[in-house]
Amino acid sequence: MKILTIFTASALASKKLFNIHEKTQQFQHLLKAPFQVALRNHFTDPNVEVKSIDQSAVEIDDLDELEVSATLTLANDDVCRISTDLNLLDMTMDDTEVKCTTKNQENELKFSDFKIELYQQNEVYEHFEAFWTTYGPSDLATKIDGTYSKLNRYKVFATNLVRIAWMNAIEQGSANYGVTAFSDLTHEEFSSTYKLPENMIKSHLKTKIPNYIEKMTTSNKDPNPTEWDWREHGAVTEVKNQGMCGSCWSFSTTGNIEGVNAVKNGELLSLSEQELVDCDKTDQGCNGGLMDNAFEQIMELGGLELEADYPYEGKAHACNLEKSKIAVSITSFHDVPVGDEDAMQDQLLETGPLAVALNAMWMQFYRGGVSHPWKKLCSPKMLDHGVLIVGYGVEPANPDHLPFPKPAQPYWIIKNSWGPGWGEEGYYRLFRGDGTCGIDQYVTTALM
């Protein structure tokens, strides 16, 4: 008998999701993995197998933890009930309780703190081989291991597959998460290189004096277009790749200035991130930085050279700026009011793409669609990545979406700096309208 999916308004308010196992088909078997591991610990039997998840409930807990409960049918038709705290970042389980009914007897066991491991599953190994063929070993994993350890990275990859399955199951939007070039990296490894240092932006915003200006002159565009994409209006350069360098802030900065210059002067120029990595003395090059700091430094330096004249290398060197080659200068910069996505839209339409920061927790495995994580799992206060908003739109409603019909999805179009092979050809669509992942907390733009 099919279990009906229940998703009430009260469930939405309490962030409790019922029967998420019915939502996603891809990697469906991996949703069973935490239960499978718990039962093997319970029975000390490596052959115990979960045949089906009959009911499931997930409550979104603080930060990166899910409170999970489920009723399971095993391959031998025994029925087990399980509850556990599942950490999405490192895929560990804690405070786990298992109660099984076998031959009219009930037994119960409690245990805590173990890691999910799936090393022997053939399906997982097939996914790893496909990853290896498509992407090859990641440069960062090779650097960390010294010599790439395929066995060690397979273990990381297998755990990430389980994480991806659960991310898909609890996603509020239409996004899908899957295997990317970063799938052989742990969350900590990935964050250490491709994102900004923890608390860098949070600390900055605590002491930052807002730099707002009154709304500029009225745009000659439709005052309320339902969608806009600066890529279609000659204000966005090609997707770039920051490589193994924590320089996302510099790409956010140059992307903004490229766009502002194109909108004002009608000429799209690709500008140098390497100049900022080398010559910005306020920020820390490959160890992170801030976009408003970078604007101040650009004004002191006199402007930015072209990418072609000062090409990106992904590592810091001595400053090699040639002032005679400066192609674009700015006169000032200002912030967009915190928490005001309407003001963000107005500013975007008025002056061009916006330099912003967000919480990149859900970006490592993003493949496409509108990403809309729960706020408790993507804190708006934990900003750790600089990106560029280039437009916005609305994805139509989907009445056939599981586990419940999906309303229309307003979104921001975000240019990232992890190369065109990531996401939607290098772009990320993020839900627009409720401050998802802190997209409205640190928004700034240069002026000319």
Protein backbone atom coordinates (compact mmCIF):
# COMPACT_ATOMS: atom_id res chain seq x y z
CA MET A 1 0.00 0.00 0.00
CA LYS A 2 1.42 3.38 -0.98
CA ILE A 3 2.04 5.79 1.87
CA LEU A 4 0.54 9.19 1.05
CA THR A 5 2.86 12.13 1.31
CA ILE A 6 1.78 14.66 3.93
CA PHE A 7 3.17 18.16 3.86
CA THR A 8 1.02 20.60 5.79
CA ALA A 9 1.38 24.31 6.40
CA SER A 10 2.20 23.57 10.01
CA ALA A 11 4.89 21.17 8.88
CA LEU A 12 6.37 23.91 6.73
CA ALA A 13 6.36 26.30 9.66
CA SER A 14 8.04 23.80 11.96
CA LYS A 15 10.44 22.67 9.24
CA LYS A 16 9.35 19.06 9.60
CA LEU A 17 9.23 17.12 6.36
CA PHE A 18 7.33 13.87 5.91
CA ASN A 19 8.20 11.03 3.54
CA ILE A 20 11.11 12.71 1.81
CA HIS A 21 12.10 9.28 0.50
CA GLU A 22 9.35 9.68 -2.12
CA LYS A 23 10.80 12.89 -3.51
CA THR A 24 13.92 11.96 -5.43
CA GLN A 25 14.65 9.12 -7.84
CA GLN A 26 18.33 9.77 -8.49
CA PHE A 27 20.54 8.10 -5.87
CA GLN A 28 17.34 6.82 -4.20
CA HIS A 29 19.21 3.83 -2.78
CA LEU A 30 21.63 6.19 -1.03
CA LEU A 31 18.89 7.64 1.15
CA LYS A 32 18.80 4.24 2.82
CA ALA A 33 22.51 4.32 3.62
CA PRO A 34 22.35 5.88 7.13
CA PHE A 35 19.67 3.37 8.13
CA GLN A 36 21.59 0.51 6.56
CA VAL A 37 24.71 1.37 8.56
CA ALA A 38 22.76 1.80 11.79
CA LEU A 39 21.09 -1.59 11.35
CA ARG A 40 24.37 -3.31 10.61
CA ASN A 41 25.73 -1.87 13.83
CA HIS A 42 22.57 -3.03 15.56
CA PHE A 43 22.55 -6.60 14.23
CA THR A 44 26.34 -6.96 13.74
CA ASP A 45 25.33 -8.57 10.45
CA PRO A 46 27.00 -7.26 7.27
CA ASN A 47 24.20 -8.78 5.15
CA VAL A 48 21.23 -7.03 6.72
CA GLU A 49 19.47 -5.05 4.00
CA VAL A 50 16.81 -2.35 4.00
CA LYS A 51 14.22 -3.30 1.40
CA SER A 52 12.12 -0.17 1.67
CA ILE A 53 11.56 3.02 3.61
CA ASP A 54 7.87 2.98 4.46
CA GLN A 55 7.63 6.25 6.35
CA SER A 56 10.13 9.00 7.06
CA ALA A 57 10.16 12.32 8.88
CA VAL A 58 12.90 14.93 8.99
CA GLU A 59 13.06 17.95 11.23
CA ILE A 60 15.56 20.65 10.32
CA ASP A 61 17.66 21.23 13.42
CA ASP A 62 20.15 23.99 14.15
CA LEU A 63 22.94 24.52 11.64
CA ASP A 64 23.82 21.37 9.74
CA GLU A 65 21.88 18.68 11.57
CA LEU A 66 18.72 16.76 10.71
CA GLU A 67 16.56 14.89 13.21
CA VAL A 68 15.54 11.83 11.21
CA SER A 69 13.04 9.08 12.00
CA ALA A 70 11.87 6.28 9.74
CA THR A 71 9.98 3.00 9.59
CA LEU A 72 11.78 0.42 7.49
CA THR A 73 11.06 -2.99 6.04
CA LEU A 74 14.08 -5.28 5.80
CA ALA A 75 14.77 -7.87 3.12
CA ASN A 76 13.47 -10.61 5.47
CA ASP A 77 10.27 -8.55 6.06
CA ASP A 78 11.18 -7.62 9.61
CA VAL A 79 10.11 -4.08 10.49
CA CYS A 80 12.43 -1.61 12.22
CA ARG A 81 11.91 1.90 13.54
CA ILE A 82 14.92 4.18 13.76
CA SER A 83 15.64 7.72 14.91
CA THR A 84 18.94 9.56 14.67
CA ASP A 85 20.62 12.94 14.42
CA LEU A 86 22.26 13.13 10.99
CA ASN A 87 24.96 15.75 10.39
CA LEU A 88 24.90 16.87 6.75
CA LEU A 89 28.48 18.17 6.67
CA ASP A 90 30.45 15.15 7.83
CA MET A 91 27.66 12.55 7.50
CA THR A 92 27.93 11.30 11.06
CA MET A 93 25.02 9.99 13.10
CA ASP A 94 24.45 10.54 16.80
CA ASP A 95 21.88 9.64 19.47
CA THR A 96 20.65 6.76 17.33
CA GLU A 97 17.85 4.47 18.49
CA VAL A 98 16.81 1.29 16.67
CA LYS A 99 13.76 -0.82 17.55
CA CYS A 100 13.02 -3.91 15.46
CA THR A 101 10.19 -6.44 15.50
CA THR A 102 11.39 -9.94 14.62
CA LYS A 103 9.22 -13.06 15.00
CA ASN A 104 6.86 -11.36 17.41
CA GLN A 105 9.71 -10.08 19.54
CA GLU A 106 10.85 -6.54 19.98
CA ASN A 107 14.41 -5.50 20.73
CA GLU A 108 15.94 -2.09 21.12
CA LEU A 109 19.44 -0.62 21.03
CA LYS A 110 20.88 2.85 21.50
CA PHE A 111 24.29 4.00 20.32
CA SER A 112 25.97 7.20 19.23
CA ASP A 113 28.53 8.89 17.06
CA PHE A 114 29.48 6.82 14.05
CA LYS A 115 30.32 7.66 10.46
CA ILE A 116 28.51 6.40 7.39
CA GLU A 117 30.71 4.26 5.18
CA LEU A 118 29.69 2.68 1.88
CA TYR A 119 32.96 1.41 0.54
CA GLN A 120 31.73 -1.90 -0.80
CA GLN A 121 28.63 -0.89 -2.74
CA ASN A 122 29.04 -1.62 -6.45
CA GLU A 123 26.70 1.22 -7.48
CA VAL A 124 28.85 3.71 -5.59
CA TYR A 125 32.01 2.44 -7.24
CA GLU A 126 30.37 2.83 -10.66
CA HIS A 127 29.61 6.46 -9.84
CA PHE A 128 33.21 6.97 -8.76
CA GLU A 129 34.52 5.53 -12.01
CA ALA A 130 32.21 7.87 -13.93
CA PHE A 131 33.54 10.79 -11.86
CA TRP A 132 37.11 9.70 -12.59
CA THR A 133 36.40 9.49 -16.33
CA THR A 134 34.56 12.83 -16.49
CA TYR A 135 36.63 15.00 -14.19
CA GLY A 136 39.74 13.11 -13.17
CA PRO A 137 41.36 13.59 -9.76
CA SER A 138 40.84 17.07 -8.36
CA ASP A 139 43.95 19.24 -8.12
CA LEU A 140 43.25 20.01 -4.47
CA ALA A 141 42.91 16.34 -3.46
CA THR A 142 46.17 15.60 -5.26
CA LYS A 143 47.87 18.45 -3.44
CA ILE A 144 46.53 17.33 -0.04
CA ASP A 145 47.41 13.67 -0.55
CA GLY A 146 50.83 14.34 -2.04
CA THR A 147 50.19 11.52 -4.47
CA TYR A 148 46.50 11.08 -5.21
CA SER A 149 45.12 8.31 -2.99
CA LYS A 150 42.36 6.72 -5.01
CA LEU A 151 41.19 4.55 -2.10
CA ASN A 152 41.03 7.47 0.31
CA ARG A 153 39.26 9.66 -2.22
CA TYR A 154 36.80 6.88 -3.02
CA LYS A 155 35.80 6.86 0.65
CA VAL A 156 35.29 10.63 0.59
CA PHE A 157 33.33 10.37 -2.67
CA ALA A 158 31.07 7.62 -1.30
CA THR A 159 30.20 9.68 1.77
CA ASN A 160 29.54 12.70 -0.45
CA LEU A 161 27.09 10.67 -2.54
CA VAL A 162 24.99 10.01 0.56
CA ARG A 163 25.14 13.69 1.45
CA ILE A 164 24.02 14.62 -2.09
CA ALA A 165 21.04 12.25 -1.88
CA TRP A 166 19.86 13.84 1.36
CA MET A 167 20.41 17.36 0.02
CA ASN A 168 18.17 16.56 -2.94
CA ALA A 169 15.53 15.08 -0.67
CA ILE A 170 15.19 18.16 1.55
CA GLU A 171 15.71 20.85 -1.11
CA GLN A 172 12.84 23.37 -1.14
CA GLY A 173 13.43 24.61 -4.68
CA SER A 174 13.94 22.87 -8.01
CA ALA A 175 17.72 22.48 -7.69
CA ASN A 176 19.43 19.17 -8.21
CA TYR A 177 22.71 18.25 -6.59
CA GLY A 178 25.04 15.61 -7.95
CA VAL A 179 28.58 14.67 -8.87
CA THR A 180 30.84 17.64 -9.66
CA ALA A 181 34.57 18.17 -10.04
CA PHE A 182 34.69 18.71 -6.26
CA SER A 183 33.12 15.38 -5.29
CA ASP A 184 36.36 13.83 -4.02
CA LEU A 185 36.80 16.61 -1.41
CA THR A 186 35.45 16.76 2.12
CA HIS A 187 33.46 19.82 3.14
CA GLU A 188 36.43 21.08 5.17
CA GLU A 189 38.91 20.60 2.32
CA PHE A 190 36.64 22.29 -0.19
CA SER A 191 35.92 25.23 2.13
CA SER A 192 39.58 25.79 2.95
CA THR A 193 40.42 26.66 -0.66
CA TYR A 194 37.36 27.62 -2.66
CA LYS A 195 35.64 29.80 -0.07
CA LEU A 196 36.66 32.67 2.20
CA PRO A 197 37.95 32.07 5.73
CA GLU A 198 35.24 31.39 8.26
CA ASN A 199 33.93 34.56 9.94
CA MET A 200 35.94 36.92 7.68
CA ILE A 201 32.82 38.63 6.33
CA LYS A 202 30.87 38.25 9.57
CA SER A 203 33.59 40.10 11.49
CA HIS A 204 33.82 42.75 8.79
CA LEU A 205 30.10 43.45 8.83
CA LYS A 206 30.07 43.91 12.61
CA THR A 207 32.23 47.03 12.31
CA LYS A 208 31.38 48.15 8.77
CA ILE A 209 29.74 51.56 8.48
CA PRO A 210 27.01 51.30 5.82
CA ASN A 211 27.78 53.31 2.72
CA TYR A 212 24.35 53.94 1.21
CA ILE A 213 23.30 56.56 -1.32
CA GLU A 214 19.86 57.65 -2.41
CA LYS A 215 18.36 55.92 -5.40
CA MET A 216 19.89 57.10 -8.63
CA THR A 217 17.97 58.57 -11.56
CA THR A 218 15.09 56.56 -12.92
CA SER A 219 16.12 53.84 -15.36
CA ASN A 220 14.89 54.00 -18.95
CA LYS A 221 13.95 50.33 -18.68
CA ASP A 222 10.52 48.98 -17.77
CA PRO A 223 10.40 49.85 -14.05
CA ASN A 224 9.25 46.36 -13.12
CA PRO A 225 10.48 43.81 -15.68
CA THR A 226 9.68 40.28 -14.57
CA GLU A 227 13.12 39.12 -15.68
CA TRP A 228 16.46 40.64 -16.61
CA ASP A 229 19.79 39.16 -17.62
CA TRP A 230 22.83 41.38 -18.19
CA ARG A 231 24.45 38.55 -20.19
CA GLU A 232 21.93 39.35 -22.92
CA HIS A 233 22.87 43.04 -22.86
CA GLY A 234 26.64 42.89 -23.21
CA ALA A 235 27.62 43.52 -19.59
CA VAL A 236 29.05 40.15 -18.47
CA THR A 237 32.37 38.59 -19.47
CA GLU A 238 33.01 34.88 -19.80
CA VAL A 239 32.97 32.65 -16.72
CA LYS A 240 36.42 32.56 -15.12
CA ASN A 241 38.12 30.09 -12.78
CA GLN A 242 39.79 31.09 -9.54
CA GLY A 243 41.58 27.72 -9.27
CA MET A 244 43.13 26.68 -5.95
CA CYS A 245 43.18 30.24 -4.65
CA GLY A 246 40.74 31.85 -2.23
CA SER A 247 40.34 34.86 -4.51
CA CYS A 248 36.59 34.76 -5.15
CA TRP A 249 36.39 38.31 -3.76
CA SER A 250 38.56 39.60 -6.62
CA PHE A 251 36.33 37.98 -9.27
CA SER A 252 33.24 39.46 -7.63
CA THR A 253 34.93 42.86 -7.67
CA THR A 254 36.15 42.78 -11.27
CA GLY A 255 32.85 41.33 -12.49
CA ASN A 256 31.02 44.25 -10.95
CA ILE A 257 33.36 46.84 -12.48
CA GLU A 258 33.27 45.10 -15.88
CA GLY A 259 29.48 45.31 -15.81
CA VAL A 260 29.23 48.87 -14.51
CA ASN A 261 31.70 50.03 -17.15
CA ALA A 262 29.82 48.21 -19.93
CA VAL A 263 26.48 49.70 -18.87
CA LYS A 264 27.85 53.24 -18.60
CA ASN A 265 30.36 53.32 -21.45
CA GLY A 266 29.06 50.65 -23.81
CA GLU A 267 32.31 48.64 -23.83
CA LEU A 268 32.73 45.23 -22.22
CA LEU A 269 36.32 44.70 -21.05
CA SER A 270 37.70 41.70 -19.16
CA LEU A 271 39.64 43.06 -16.18
CA SER A 272 42.49 41.67 -14.10
CA GLU A 273 41.87 39.73 -10.89
CA GLN A 274 45.59 39.05 -10.62
CA GLU A 275 46.23 42.75 -10.13
CA LEU A 276 44.06 42.63 -7.02
CA VAL A 277 45.63 39.41 -5.73
CA ASP A 278 49.11 40.98 -6.10
CA CYS A 279 48.59 44.67 -5.44
CA ASP A 280 45.69 44.99 -2.97
CA LYS A 281 47.48 45.55 0.34
CA THR A 282 44.34 45.51 2.48
CA ASP A 283 43.12 42.07 1.45
CA GLN A 284 44.97 38.76 1.64
CA GLY A 285 45.25 37.58 -1.96
CA CYS A 286 44.60 33.83 -2.13
CA ASN A 287 43.72 33.81 1.56
CA GLY A 288 40.59 35.88 1.14
CA GLY A 289 39.39 39.44 0.87
CA LEU A 290 36.41 41.79 0.77
CA MET A 291 34.87 43.56 -2.17
CA ASP A 292 34.51 47.00 -0.60
CA ASN A 293 38.15 46.84 0.52
CA ALA A 294 39.05 46.01 -3.06
CA PHE A 295 37.13 49.01 -4.40
CA GLU A 296 39.10 51.30 -2.07
CA GLN A 297 42.37 49.73 -3.18
CA ILE A 298 41.45 50.10 -6.85
CA MET A 299 40.88 53.82 -6.34
CA GLU A 300 44.30 54.11 -4.67
CA LEU A 301 45.98 52.10 -7.43
CA GLY A 302 44.33 54.22 -10.11
CA GLY A 303 42.25 51.46 -11.72
CA LEU A 304 42.46 47.99 -13.22
CA GLU A 305 44.47 46.62 -16.11
CA LEU A 306 42.98 44.32 -18.70
CA GLU A 307 43.01 40.58 -18.09
CA ALA A 308 45.16 40.22 -21.20
CA ASP A 309 47.78 42.64 -19.85
CA TYR A 310 47.86 41.26 -16.30
CA PRO A 311 46.68 37.63 -16.66
CA TYR A 312 45.42 35.47 -13.81
CA GLU A 313 47.81 32.87 -12.35
CA GLY A 314 45.99 31.71 -9.22
CA LYS A 315 48.83 32.53 -6.83
CA ALA A 316 50.14 35.74 -5.33
CA HIS A 317 53.22 37.53 -6.68
CA ALA A 318 54.84 40.91 -6.22
CA CYS A 319 52.71 43.72 -7.61
CA ASN A 320 53.44 44.28 -11.30
CA LEU A 321 50.98 47.06 -12.08
CA GLU A 322 51.79 49.27 -15.07
CA LYS A 323 49.77 52.45 -14.62
CA SER A 324 50.07 53.26 -18.31
CA LYS A 325 48.00 50.11 -19.00
CA ILE A 326 45.12 50.91 -16.67
CA ALA A 327 41.95 50.37 -18.68
CA VAL A 328 39.14 51.21 -16.24
CA SER A 329 38.94 53.44 -13.17
CA ILE A 330 36.19 53.99 -10.61
CA THR A 331 35.28 57.12 -8.65
CA SER A 332 33.49 55.56 -5.67
CA PHE A 333 31.40 52.65 -4.48
CA HIS A 334 28.38 52.11 -2.27
CA ASP A 335 26.34 49.45 -0.51
CA VAL A 336 22.78 48.33 -1.14
CA PRO A 337 20.60 48.36 2.02
CA VAL A 338 20.89 45.11 3.95
CA GLY A 339 17.93 42.77 3.65
CA ASP A 340 16.30 44.66 0.77
CA GLU A 341 16.04 42.52 -2.34
CA ASP A 342 13.81 45.09 -4.02
CA ALA A 343 16.63 47.62 -3.67
CA MET A 344 19.03 45.02 -5.07
CA GLN A 345 16.81 44.62 -8.11
CA ASP A 346 16.59 48.39 -8.60
CA GLN A 347 20.37 48.76 -8.33
CA LEU A 348 20.98 45.87 -10.71
CA LEU A 349 18.74 47.45 -13.34
CA GLU A 350 20.25 50.89 -12.80
CA THR A 351 24.00 50.27 -12.84
CA GLY A 352 24.62 46.64 -13.77
CA PRO A 353 25.77 43.40 -12.10
CA LEU A 354 26.24 43.47 -8.31
CA ALA A 355 29.14 42.25 -6.15
CA VAL A 356 27.63 40.13 -3.38
CA ALA A 357 28.55 37.54 -0.77
CA LEU A 358 26.59 34.45 0.20
CA ASN A 359 26.80 31.26 2.21
CA ALA A 360 28.14 28.69 -0.28
CA MET A 361 27.23 25.65 1.83
CA TRP A 362 25.03 24.20 -0.92
CA MET A 363 27.22 25.01 -3.92
CA GLN A 364 29.85 22.24 -3.86
CA PHE A 365 27.51 19.71 -5.55
CA TYR A 366 25.13 22.06 -7.37
CA ARG A 367 24.22 20.94 -10.90
CA GLY A 368 21.26 23.14 -11.86
CA GLY A 369 17.80 24.46 -11.01
CA VAL A 370 16.72 27.01 -8.41
CA SER A 371 18.54 26.38 -5.13
CA HIS A 372 16.47 27.10 -2.03
CA PRO A 373 18.02 25.56 1.10
CA TRP A 374 16.37 25.82 4.50
CA LYS A 375 17.75 28.80 6.41
CA LYS A 376 18.86 26.64 9.32
CA LEU A 377 21.04 24.72 6.86
CA CYS A 378 22.37 27.79 5.05
CA SER A 379 22.72 30.53 7.63
CA PRO A 380 22.41 34.09 6.25
CA LYS A 381 25.02 35.17 8.79
CA MET A 382 27.75 32.76 7.67
CA LEU A 383 28.80 34.42 4.42
CA ASP A 384 31.89 32.81 2.90
CA HIS A 385 31.97 33.35 -0.87
CA GLY A 386 32.06 36.35 -3.20
CA VAL A 387 30.00 36.14 -6.41
CA LEU A 388 28.26 38.35 -8.97
CA ILE A 389 24.51 38.80 -9.48
CA VAL A 390 23.92 39.37 -13.21
CA GLY A 391 20.13 39.08 -13.42
CA TYR A 392 16.93 37.57 -12.13
CA GLY A 393 13.87 35.67 -13.31
CA VAL A 394 11.02 33.38 -12.30
CA GLU A 395 10.83 29.64 -12.88
CA PRO A 396 7.22 28.60 -13.63
CA ALA A 397 5.18 26.61 -11.12
CA ASN A 398 5.34 22.82 -11.34
CA PRO A 399 2.13 21.07 -10.17
CA ASP A 400 3.73 17.62 -10.62
CA HIS A 401 6.71 18.29 -8.35
CA LEU A 402 7.24 15.81 -5.50
CA PRO A 403 6.58 15.53 -2.63
CA PHE A 404 4.23 18.49 -3.13
CA PRO A 405 3.34 20.87 -5.99
CA LYS A 406 5.96 23.55 -6.49
CA PRO A 407 4.92 27.20 -6.76
CA ALA A 408 6.70 29.60 -9.09
CA GLN A 409 10.34 30.08 -8.10
CA PRO A 410 11.75 33.63 -8.30
CA TYR A 411 15.54 33.51 -8.55
CA TRP A 412 18.76 35.46 -8.87
CA ILE A 413 21.19 34.59 -11.68
CA ILE A 414 24.65 34.37 -10.12
CA LYS A 415 27.98 34.21 -11.92
CA ASN A 416 30.48 32.07 -10.03
CA SER A 417 34.25 31.73 -10.41
CA TRP A 418 34.72 27.94 -10.48
CA GLY A 419 34.86 27.62 -14.27
CA PRO A 420 32.15 26.93 -16.88
CA GLY A 421 32.09 23.20 -16.07
CA TRP A 422 30.41 23.84 -12.72
CA GLY A 423 26.66 24.43 -12.20
CA GLU A 424 24.70 25.84 -15.11
CA GLU A 425 27.72 26.56 -17.33
CA GLY A 426 29.36 28.37 -14.43
CA TYR A 427 26.18 29.98 -13.09
CA TYR A 428 24.04 29.42 -10.00
CA ARG A 429 20.35 30.19 -9.63
CA LEU A 430 19.36 31.02 -6.05
CA PHE A 431 15.87 31.63 -4.68
CA ARG A 432 14.97 35.33 -4.60
CA GLY A 433 12.80 37.03 -2.01
CA ASP A 434 13.59 35.63 1.43
CA GLY A 435 17.30 36.30 1.89
CA THR A 436 18.27 32.70 1.10
CA CYS A 437 21.86 31.93 2.12
CA GLY A 438 22.39 35.59 3.08
CA ILE A 439 22.30 36.86 -0.51
CA ASP A 440 20.91 40.22 0.74
CA GLN A 441 23.39 40.83 3.57
CA TYR A 442 26.49 42.18 1.78
CA VAL A 443 25.74 43.81 -1.58
CA THR A 444 27.93 46.49 -3.10
CA THR A 445 28.76 48.17 -6.39
CA ALA A 446 31.34 50.49 -7.88
CA LEU A 447 30.44 53.82 -9.50
CA MET A 448 32.13 55.70 -12.33
